[in-house]
């Protein structure tokens, strides 16, 4: 894997080119820690399966993978895009600060835990404690969620189309206003996920909703 990573990093990149250089890799077989810290502006097309912490701390790279991944996919990613046409284990997008992580199957528990920015999109279901401790960013769930959705989340917005087994005590459902519909529609397009924004519900920290609905002249609470 180290040799492969070095070869990818050696690819010349023309900053004036309209398209990123493309690399196709077939037959990957569940390697752990694969493609971590890959900070190079190329487009990877991968086929197979990968183990835990695939694409962790990704930066600049545009990944399109067909196959399942283990725990911690995209952990700490800073920018770029990782699109998984398969399922992901626990902790998908944990502590990410930017970029786009799209999972076209389902994801396990604690998806988006402690994230600070960026967007996570899951077409299917997610497990319990999704968004736990999240400080920023956006999580979009196309299916259902497990228990304790949004536990201890702060300044993060969760959109869900299905049902949550339970919401954490600090979050609540909020109106999906026109501007949120427009914003969500653009996010879905960016993640290449089909869906009508109006079919989703918005879940936010209670203090965030209080700040949004505060009357002029009132002190807006700081939920961060």
Protein backbone atom coordinates (compact mmCIF):
# COMPACT_ATOMS: atom_id res chain seq x y z
CA UNK A 1 0.00 0.00 0.00
CA UNK A 2 2.86 2.43 0.79
CA UNK A 3 4.33 1.90 -2.68
CA UNK A 4 0.94 2.51 -4.29
CA UNK A 5 0.43 5.68 -2.26
CA UNK A 6 3.82 7.00 -3.29
CA UNK A 7 3.04 6.39 -6.95
CA UNK A 8 -0.23 8.29 -6.62
CA UNK A 9 1.53 11.22 -4.97
CA UNK A 10 4.06 11.29 -7.82
CA UNK A 11 1.35 11.98 -10.41
CA UNK A 12 1.88 15.41 -11.96
CA UNK A 13 -1.06 17.73 -11.58
CA UNK A 14 -1.70 20.56 -14.02
CA UNK A 15 -3.40 23.32 -12.06
CA UNK A 16 -4.77 24.75 -15.32
CA UNK A 17 -6.41 21.48 -16.39
CA UNK A 18 -10.21 21.24 -16.26
CA UNK A 19 -10.22 17.66 -14.96
CA UNK A 20 -8.25 15.88 -12.25
CA UNK A 21 -5.92 13.04 -13.26
CA UNK A 22 -7.79 9.74 -12.92
CA UNK A 23 -6.50 6.52 -11.34
CA UNK A 24 -8.46 3.25 -11.43
CA UNK A 25 -7.62 0.43 -9.03
CA UNK A 26 -9.42 -2.94 -9.14
CA UNK A 27 -9.28 -5.88 -6.79
CA UNK A 28 -8.72 -4.22 -3.41
CA UNK A 29 -9.22 -6.80 -0.65
CA UNK A 30 -10.13 -5.33 2.73
CA UNK A 31 -6.86 -3.61 3.63
CA UNK A 32 -6.99 -1.56 6.85
CA UNK A 33 -5.74 2.04 7.02
CA UNK A 34 -5.83 2.25 3.23
CA UNK A 35 -5.29 5.60 1.50
CA UNK A 36 -4.90 7.52 4.77
CA UNK A 37 -3.46 11.05 4.60
CA UNK A 38 -3.71 11.09 0.81
CA UNK A 39 -3.46 14.83 0.17
CA UNK A 40 -3.15 14.91 -3.61
CA UNK A 41 -5.62 16.37 -6.17
CA UNK A 42 -6.42 13.24 -8.17
CA UNK A 43 -9.56 11.23 -8.82
CA UNK A 44 -9.50 7.64 -7.57
CA UNK A 45 -11.90 5.00 -8.87
CA UNK A 46 -11.69 1.89 -6.67
CA UNK A 47 -13.40 -1.49 -6.86
CA UNK A 48 -13.43 -4.06 -4.07
CA UNK A 49 -13.62 -3.72 -0.29
CA UNK A 50 -11.55 -1.94 2.34
CA UNK A 51 -11.14 -2.34 6.09
CA UNK A 52 -11.06 0.21 8.90
CA UNK A 53 -10.02 3.87 8.56
CA UNK A 54 -10.07 3.99 4.77
CA UNK A 55 -9.44 7.52 3.44
CA UNK A 56 -8.94 8.91 6.95
CA UNK A 57 -7.69 12.51 6.92
CA UNK A 58 -8.41 12.77 3.21
CA UNK A 59 -7.52 16.11 1.66
CA UNK A 60 -8.00 17.26 -1.95
CA UNK A 61 -8.54 13.75 -3.36
CA UNK A 62 -11.82 12.83 -5.07
CA UNK A 63 -12.64 9.17 -4.34
CA UNK A 64 -15.34 7.05 -5.96
CA UNK A 65 -15.38 3.53 -4.56
CA UNK A 66 -17.63 0.57 -5.32
CA UNK A 67 -17.64 -1.80 -2.35
CA UNK A 68 -17.98 -1.86 1.42
CA UNK A 69 -15.68 -0.21 3.96
CA UNK A 70 -15.04 -0.86 7.66
CA UNK A 71 -15.08 1.43 10.67
CA UNK A 72 -13.84 5.03 10.60
CA UNK A 73 -14.10 5.74 6.89
CA UNK A 74 -13.18 9.36 6.21
CA UNK A 75 -12.23 10.02 9.82
CA UNK A 76 -10.71 13.48 10.20
CA UNK A 77 -11.07 14.31 6.50
CA UNK A 78 -10.34 17.94 5.67
CA UNK A 79 -11.48 18.44 2.07
CA UNK A 80 -12.13 16.60 -1.15
CA UNK A 81 -14.86 14.00 -1.61
CA UNK A 82 -15.24 10.34 -0.71
CA UNK A 83 -18.19 8.50 -2.27
CA UNK A 84 -18.80 4.90 -1.19
CA UNK A 85 -21.20 2.79 -3.23
CA UNK A 86 -21.64 0.26 -0.45
CA UNK A 87 -22.01 0.09 3.32
CA UNK A 88 -19.79 1.57 6.04
CA UNK A 89 -19.07 0.50 9.61
CA UNK A 90 -19.09 2.59 12.77
CA UNK A 91 -17.72 6.12 13.11
CA UNK A 92 -18.03 7.18 9.47
CA UNK A 93 -16.80 10.76 9.14
CA UNK A 94 -15.81 11.00 12.79
CA UNK A 95 -14.01 14.29 13.59
CA UNK A 96 -14.06 15.46 9.97
CA UNK A 97 -13.59 19.19 9.44
CA UNK A 98 -14.47 19.59 5.75
CA UNK A 99 -15.18 17.88 2.49
CA UNK A 100 -17.98 15.52 1.45
CA UNK A 101 -18.48 11.93 2.61
CA UNK A 102 -21.30 10.17 0.75
CA UNK A 103 -22.32 6.60 1.58
CA UNK A 104 -24.81 5.07 -0.85
CA UNK A 105 -25.63 2.15 1.45
CA UNK A 106 -26.02 2.28 5.23
CA UNK A 107 -23.63 3.29 8.03
CA UNK A 108 -23.12 2.02 11.58
CA UNK A 109 -23.20 3.66 14.98
CA UNK A 110 -21.77 7.10 15.79
CA UNK A 111 -21.70 8.35 12.23
CA UNK A 112 -20.42 11.93 12.25
CA UNK A 113 -19.30 11.82 15.88
CA UNK A 114 -17.39 14.95 16.91
CA UNK A 115 -17.41 16.33 13.36
CA UNK A 116 -16.60 20.02 13.03
CA UNK A 117 -17.47 20.75 9.43
CA UNK A 118 -18.17 19.28 6.03
CA UNK A 119 -21.11 17.15 4.96
CA UNK A 120 -22.02 13.49 5.51
CA UNK A 121 -24.69 11.94 3.30
CA UNK A 122 -26.05 8.43 3.92
CA UNK A 123 -28.64 7.14 1.47
CA UNK A 124 -29.71 4.26 3.74
CA UNK A 125 -29.92 3.88 7.51
CA UNK A 126 -27.54 4.91 10.30
CA UNK A 127 -27.02 3.38 13.73
CA UNK A 128 -27.31 4.82 17.21
CA UNK A 129 -25.74 8.06 18.45
CA UNK A 130 -25.32 9.56 15.00
CA UNK A 131 -23.85 13.04 15.30
CA UNK A 132 -22.85 12.59 18.93
CA UNK A 133 -20.71 15.50 20.06
CA UNK A 134 -20.76 17.13 16.62
CA UNK A 135 -19.67 20.77 16.68
CA UNK A 136 -20.48 21.76 13.11
CA UNK A 137 -21.33 20.55 9.64
CA UNK A 138 -24.31 18.79 8.12
CA UNK A 139 -25.54 15.19 8.27
CA UNK A 140 -28.15 13.95 5.78
CA UNK A 141 -29.87 10.60 6.40
CA UNK A 142 -31.97 9.11 3.65
CA UNK A 143 -33.35 6.25 5.75
CA UNK A 144 -33.86 5.68 9.48
CA UNK A 145 -31.63 6.35 12.50
CA UNK A 146 -31.03 4.47 15.73
CA UNK A 147 -31.29 5.71 19.30
CA UNK A 148 -30.03 9.04 20.64
CA UNK A 149 -29.78 10.93 17.36
CA UNK A 150 -27.77 14.14 17.84
CA UNK A 151 -26.62 13.50 21.42
CA UNK A 152 -24.59 16.46 22.74
CA UNK A 153 -24.51 18.00 19.25
CA UNK A 154 -23.81 21.71 18.89
CA UNK A 155 -24.16 23.96 15.84
CA UNK A 156 -24.83 21.01 13.52
CA UNK A 157 -27.88 20.36 11.34
CA UNK A 158 -29.25 16.88 10.69
CA UNK A 159 -31.72 16.20 7.88
CA UNK A 160 -33.56 12.87 8.03
CA UNK A 161 -36.10 11.38 5.62
CA UNK A 162 -37.03 8.33 7.70
CA UNK A 163 -37.61 7.91 11.42
CA UNK A 164 -35.27 8.07 14.40
CA UNK A 165 -35.65 5.48 17.14
CA UNK A 166 -35.17 8.37 19.55
CA UNK A 167 -33.85 11.92 19.59
CA UNK A 168 -31.30 12.96 22.20
CA UNK A 169 -32.65 15.28 24.89
CA UNK A 170 -30.73 18.32 23.61
CA UNK A 171 -32.10 18.32 20.06
CA UNK A 172 -35.50 18.86 18.51
CA UNK A 173 -37.28 18.81 15.18
CA UNK A 174 -37.37 22.25 13.57
CA UNK A 175 -39.37 23.64 10.65
CA UNK A 176 -37.86 22.97 7.25
CA UNK A 177 -38.14 26.48 5.86
CA UNK A 178 -37.74 27.41 2.22
CA UNK A 179 -34.09 28.34 2.59
CA UNK A 180 -33.33 24.98 4.21
CA UNK A 181 -35.08 23.21 1.34
CA UNK A 182 -32.92 25.09 -1.17
CA UNK A 183 -29.77 24.42 0.84
CA UNK A 184 -30.55 20.72 1.23
CA UNK A 185 -31.38 20.39 -2.46
CA UNK A 186 -27.96 21.76 -3.39
CA UNK A 187 -26.28 19.44 -0.88
CA UNK A 188 -28.03 16.41 -2.35
CA UNK A 189 -26.92 17.39 -5.84
CA UNK A 190 -23.35 17.86 -4.61
CA UNK A 191 -23.37 14.35 -3.12
CA UNK A 192 -24.97 12.87 -6.26
CA UNK A 193 -27.91 11.59 -4.20
CA UNK A 194 -31.41 11.68 -5.63
CA UNK A 195 -34.15 12.96 -3.39
CA UNK A 196 -36.66 15.72 -2.85
CA UNK A 197 -35.60 18.09 -0.09
CA UNK A 198 -39.15 18.60 1.15
CA UNK A 199 -39.33 14.92 2.14
CA UNK A 200 -36.72 15.50 4.88
CA UNK A 201 -37.13 16.81 8.43
CA UNK A 202 -34.60 19.07 10.14
CA UNK A 203 -33.11 18.15 13.53
CA UNK A 204 -31.11 20.83 15.39
CA UNK A 205 -29.90 21.57 18.93
CA UNK A 206 -32.69 23.20 20.97
CA UNK A 207 -30.54 26.27 21.66
CA UNK A 208 -29.99 26.74 17.93
CA UNK A 209 -33.74 26.78 17.31
CA UNK A 210 -34.22 29.23 20.18
CA UNK A 211 -31.63 31.53 18.62
CA UNK A 212 -33.36 31.32 15.23
CA UNK A 213 -36.74 32.19 16.68
CA UNK A 214 -35.61 34.91 19.12
CA UNK A 215 -37.35 38.24 18.57
CA UNK A 216 -35.31 41.33 17.58
CA UNK A 217 -33.66 42.85 20.64
CA UNK A 218 -33.64 39.61 22.60
CA UNK A 219 -30.36 38.06 23.68
CA UNK A 220 -29.62 35.14 21.37
CA UNK A 221 -28.26 32.17 23.35
CA UNK A 222 -24.86 30.89 22.37
CA UNK A 223 -25.19 27.17 21.67
CA UNK A 224 -21.57 26.58 20.63
